[in-house]
């Protein structure tokens, strides 16, 4: 069990960016599924909600990726230049 915790911690703290945006990507996936179900059942409410959740999830994933990965890398590069 402790090995699993170490692996998850290493993924979370790594700069690869795999787990930082996982939550928002899952939200976007849920919105896409709701959008598809709403379109299949011709339910305008589900289509609107699914589309909004999908858009918010994708935007949040992009912003979170920039905040957690790119800014730290740029900060280190700026410190190296000084």
N, C-alpha and C. Protein backbone atom coordinates (compact mmCIF):
# COMPACT_ATOMS: atom_id res chain seq x y z
N UNK A 1 0.83 -1.20 0.00
CA UNK A 1 0.00 0.00 0.00
C UNK A 1 0.86 1.25 0.00
N UNK A 2 1.96 1.23 0.74
CA UNK A 2 2.81 2.41 0.79
C UNK A 2 3.49 2.65 -0.56
N UNK A 3 3.74 1.57 -1.31
CA UNK A 3 4.32 1.74 -2.65
C UNK A 3 3.34 2.47 -3.57
N UNK A 4 2.07 2.12 -3.48
CA UNK A 4 1.04 2.78 -4.28
C UNK A 4 0.97 4.26 -3.92
N UNK A 5 1.04 4.57 -2.65
CA UNK A 5 1.00 5.97 -2.21
C UNK A 5 2.22 6.72 -2.74
N UNK A 6 3.39 6.09 -2.71
CA UNK A 6 4.60 6.73 -3.26
C UNK A 6 4.46 6.98 -4.76
N UNK A 7 3.88 6.04 -5.49
CA UNK A 7 3.70 6.20 -6.93
C UNK A 7 2.73 7.35 -7.22
N UNK A 8 1.62 7.40 -6.50
CA UNK A 8 0.65 8.48 -6.70
C UNK A 8 1.26 9.82 -6.33
N UNK A 9 2.01 9.87 -5.25
CA UNK A 9 2.67 11.11 -4.84
C UNK A 9 3.68 11.57 -5.90
N UNK A 10 4.45 10.63 -6.44
CA UNK A 10 5.44 10.97 -7.47
C UNK A 10 4.75 11.48 -8.73
N UNK A 11 3.64 10.87 -9.10
CA UNK A 11 2.90 11.37 -10.26
C UNK A 11 2.33 12.76 -10.02
N UNK A 12 1.83 12.97 -8.82
CA UNK A 12 1.23 14.26 -8.50
C UNK A 12 2.27 15.38 -8.42
N UNK A 13 3.43 15.08 -7.89
CA UNK A 13 4.45 16.10 -7.73
C UNK A 13 5.35 16.25 -8.95
N UNK A 14 5.22 15.36 -9.92
CA UNK A 14 6.05 15.42 -11.12
C UNK A 14 5.66 16.58 -12.02
N UNK A 15 6.55 16.95 -12.88
CA UNK A 15 6.30 18.07 -13.79
C UNK A 15 5.67 17.63 -15.10
N UNK A 16 5.38 16.36 -15.22
CA UNK A 16 4.79 15.89 -16.46
C UNK A 16 3.36 16.39 -16.64
N UNK A 17 2.69 16.69 -15.54
CA UNK A 17 1.36 17.26 -15.62
C UNK A 17 0.25 16.24 -15.81
N UNK A 18 0.47 15.01 -15.40
CA UNK A 18 -0.55 14.00 -15.64
C UNK A 18 -1.70 14.08 -14.65
N UNK A 19 -1.42 14.33 -13.40
CA UNK A 19 -2.51 14.28 -12.43
C UNK A 19 -3.06 15.65 -12.08
N UNK A 20 -2.35 16.71 -12.39
CA UNK A 20 -2.85 18.03 -12.04
C UNK A 20 -4.17 18.33 -12.73
N UNK A 21 -4.30 17.93 -13.96
CA UNK A 21 -5.51 18.25 -14.72
C UNK A 21 -6.47 17.08 -14.79
N UNK A 22 -6.24 16.03 -14.04
CA UNK A 22 -7.09 14.85 -14.12
C UNK A 22 -8.52 15.15 -13.69
N UNK A 23 -8.69 15.86 -12.61
CA UNK A 23 -10.04 16.15 -12.12
C UNK A 23 -10.86 16.96 -13.11
N UNK A 24 -10.23 17.99 -13.66
CA UNK A 24 -10.96 18.82 -14.62
C UNK A 24 -11.21 18.08 -15.92
N UNK A 25 -10.32 17.19 -16.29
CA UNK A 25 -10.53 16.38 -17.49
C UNK A 25 -11.69 15.42 -17.29
N UNK A 26 -11.81 14.86 -16.08
CA UNK A 26 -12.93 13.98 -15.79
C UNK A 26 -14.25 14.75 -15.79
N UNK A 27 -14.22 15.99 -15.32
CA UNK A 27 -15.42 16.83 -15.37
C UNK A 27 -15.82 17.08 -16.82
N UNK A 28 -14.83 17.39 -17.66
CA UNK A 28 -15.10 17.61 -19.07
C UNK A 28 -15.65 16.35 -19.73
N UNK A 29 -15.11 15.20 -19.37
CA UNK A 29 -15.60 13.94 -19.92
C UNK A 29 -17.06 13.70 -19.51
N UNK A 30 -17.38 14.01 -18.26
CA UNK A 30 -18.76 13.88 -17.81
C UNK A 30 -19.69 14.81 -18.57
N UNK A 31 -19.22 16.02 -18.84
CA UNK A 31 -20.01 16.96 -19.64
C UNK A 31 -20.21 16.46 -21.05
N UNK A 32 -19.18 15.86 -21.63
CA UNK A 32 -19.31 15.30 -22.98
C UNK A 32 -20.31 14.15 -23.02
N UNK A 33 -20.29 13.33 -21.99
CA UNK A 33 -21.25 12.21 -21.93
C UNK A 33 -22.67 12.75 -21.77
N UNK A 34 -22.86 13.74 -20.90
CA UNK A 34 -24.19 14.33 -20.72
C UNK A 34 -24.66 14.99 -22.02
N UNK A 35 -23.74 15.61 -22.73
CA UNK A 35 -24.09 16.24 -24.01
C UNK A 35 -24.54 15.18 -25.02
N UNK A 36 -23.81 14.07 -25.08
CA UNK A 36 -24.17 13.01 -26.02
C UNK A 36 -25.51 12.36 -25.65
N UNK A 37 -25.72 12.13 -24.36
CA UNK A 37 -26.99 11.53 -23.92
C UNK A 37 -28.14 12.49 -24.21
N UNK A 38 -27.92 13.77 -23.94
CA UNK A 38 -28.97 14.75 -24.22
C UNK A 38 -29.29 14.84 -25.70
N UNK A 39 -28.27 14.74 -26.54
CA UNK A 39 -28.50 14.79 -27.99
C UNK A 39 -29.23 13.53 -28.47
N UNK A 40 -28.88 12.39 -27.88
CA UNK A 40 -29.52 11.14 -28.29
C UNK A 40 -30.99 11.10 -27.88
N UNK A 41 -31.30 11.69 -26.74
CA UNK A 41 -32.68 11.67 -26.24
C UNK A 41 -33.45 12.92 -26.59
N UNK A 42 -32.82 13.83 -27.33
CA UNK A 42 -33.45 15.09 -27.75
C UNK A 42 -33.93 15.90 -26.54
N UNK A 43 -33.06 15.99 -25.54
CA UNK A 43 -33.36 16.74 -24.32
C UNK A 43 -32.51 18.01 -24.31
N UNK A 44 -33.15 19.13 -24.51
CA UNK A 44 -32.39 20.38 -24.63
C UNK A 44 -31.72 20.77 -23.31
N UNK A 45 -32.34 20.45 -22.18
CA UNK A 45 -31.73 20.77 -20.89
C UNK A 45 -30.42 20.01 -20.71
N UNK A 46 -30.41 18.71 -21.02
CA UNK A 46 -29.19 17.92 -20.89
C UNK A 46 -28.13 18.38 -21.88
N UNK A 47 -28.54 18.82 -23.05
CA UNK A 47 -27.59 19.33 -24.04
C UNK A 47 -26.93 20.60 -23.52
N UNK A 48 -27.72 21.52 -22.99
CA UNK A 48 -27.15 22.78 -22.47
C UNK A 48 -26.22 22.53 -21.29
N UNK A 49 -26.68 21.73 -20.35
CA UNK A 49 -25.87 21.46 -19.16
C UNK A 49 -24.59 20.72 -19.56
N UNK A 50 -24.70 19.71 -20.41
CA UNK A 50 -23.53 18.96 -20.86
C UNK A 50 -22.54 19.84 -21.60
N UNK A 51 -23.03 20.73 -22.45
CA UNK A 51 -22.15 21.64 -23.18
C UNK A 51 -21.43 22.62 -22.27
N UNK A 52 -22.15 23.14 -21.30
CA UNK A 52 -21.53 24.09 -20.36
C UNK A 52 -20.49 23.38 -19.50
N UNK A 53 -20.81 22.21 -18.98
CA UNK A 53 -19.87 21.47 -18.15
C UNK A 53 -18.64 21.06 -18.96
N UNK A 54 -18.85 20.65 -20.20
CA UNK A 54 -17.73 20.30 -21.07
C UNK A 54 -16.82 21.50 -21.31
N UNK A 55 -17.40 22.65 -21.61
CA UNK A 55 -16.59 23.85 -21.86
C UNK A 55 -15.84 24.29 -20.61
N UNK A 56 -16.50 24.29 -19.47
CA UNK A 56 -15.85 24.70 -18.22
C UNK A 56 -14.73 23.72 -17.86
N UNK A 57 -14.96 22.44 -18.05
CA UNK A 57 -13.93 21.44 -17.76
C UNK A 57 -12.71 21.59 -18.65
N UNK A 58 -12.92 21.84 -19.93
CA UNK A 58 -11.79 22.02 -20.84
C UNK A 58 -11.01 23.30 -20.53
N UNK A 59 -11.73 24.38 -20.26
CA UNK A 59 -11.05 25.64 -19.91
C UNK A 59 -10.28 25.50 -18.60
N UNK A 60 -10.90 24.88 -17.61
CA UNK A 60 -10.24 24.71 -16.32
C UNK A 60 -9.01 23.81 -16.45
N UNK A 61 -9.08 22.80 -17.30
CA UNK A 61 -7.94 21.92 -17.50
C UNK A 61 -6.77 22.67 -18.11
N UNK A 62 -7.04 23.52 -19.08
CA UNK A 62 -5.98 24.31 -19.71
C UNK A 62 -5.37 25.30 -18.73
N UNK A 63 -6.21 26.00 -18.00
CA UNK A 63 -5.72 26.99 -17.03
C UNK A 63 -4.92 26.31 -15.93
N UNK A 64 -5.41 25.20 -15.43
CA UNK A 64 -4.71 24.47 -14.37
C UNK A 64 -3.36 23.96 -14.84
N UNK A 65 -3.31 23.51 -16.08
CA UNK A 65 -2.04 23.05 -16.64
C UNK A 65 -1.03 24.18 -16.68
N UNK A 66 -1.46 25.35 -17.09
CA UNK A 66 -0.55 26.50 -17.14
C UNK A 66 -0.11 26.93 -15.74
N UNK A 67 -1.04 26.93 -14.81
CA UNK A 67 -0.70 27.39 -13.46
C UNK A 67 0.23 26.43 -12.74
N UNK A 68 0.03 25.14 -12.91
CA UNK A 68 0.81 24.18 -12.14
C UNK A 68 2.12 23.77 -12.80
N UNK A 69 2.20 23.88 -14.11
CA UNK A 69 3.40 23.39 -14.79
C UNK A 69 4.19 24.54 -15.41
N UNK A 70 3.56 25.27 -16.30
CA UNK A 70 4.28 26.26 -17.09
C UNK A 70 4.87 27.38 -16.24
N UNK A 71 4.11 27.90 -15.30
CA UNK A 71 4.61 29.02 -14.51
C UNK A 71 5.82 28.62 -13.66
N UNK A 72 5.82 27.40 -13.13
CA UNK A 72 6.97 26.95 -12.34
C UNK A 72 8.21 26.81 -13.21
N UNK A 73 8.03 26.30 -14.42
CA UNK A 73 9.17 26.14 -15.32
C UNK A 73 9.69 27.51 -15.74
N UNK A 74 8.79 28.43 -16.09
CA UNK A 74 9.22 29.78 -16.48
C UNK A 74 9.90 30.50 -15.33
N UNK A 75 9.42 30.29 -14.11
CA UNK A 75 10.04 30.92 -12.95
C UNK A 75 11.46 30.42 -12.76
N UNK A 76 11.67 29.11 -12.90
CA UNK A 76 13.03 28.58 -12.78
C UNK A 76 13.93 29.07 -13.91
N UNK A 77 13.39 29.19 -15.11
CA UNK A 77 14.20 29.69 -16.22
C UNK A 77 14.59 31.16 -16.00
N UNK A 78 13.67 31.94 -15.47
CA UNK A 78 13.99 33.35 -15.17
C UNK A 78 15.06 33.45 -14.08
N UNK A 79 14.99 32.58 -13.10
CA UNK A 79 16.03 32.60 -12.04
C UNK A 79 17.39 32.20 -12.59
N UNK A 80 17.41 31.28 -13.56
CA UNK A 80 18.67 30.88 -14.16
C UNK A 80 19.30 32.01 -14.99
N UNK A 81 18.46 32.84 -15.59
CA UNK A 81 18.96 33.94 -16.41
C UNK A 81 19.60 35.04 -15.57
N UNK A 82 19.21 35.15 -14.32
CA UNK A 82 19.73 36.22 -13.46
C UNK A 82 21.10 35.95 -12.98
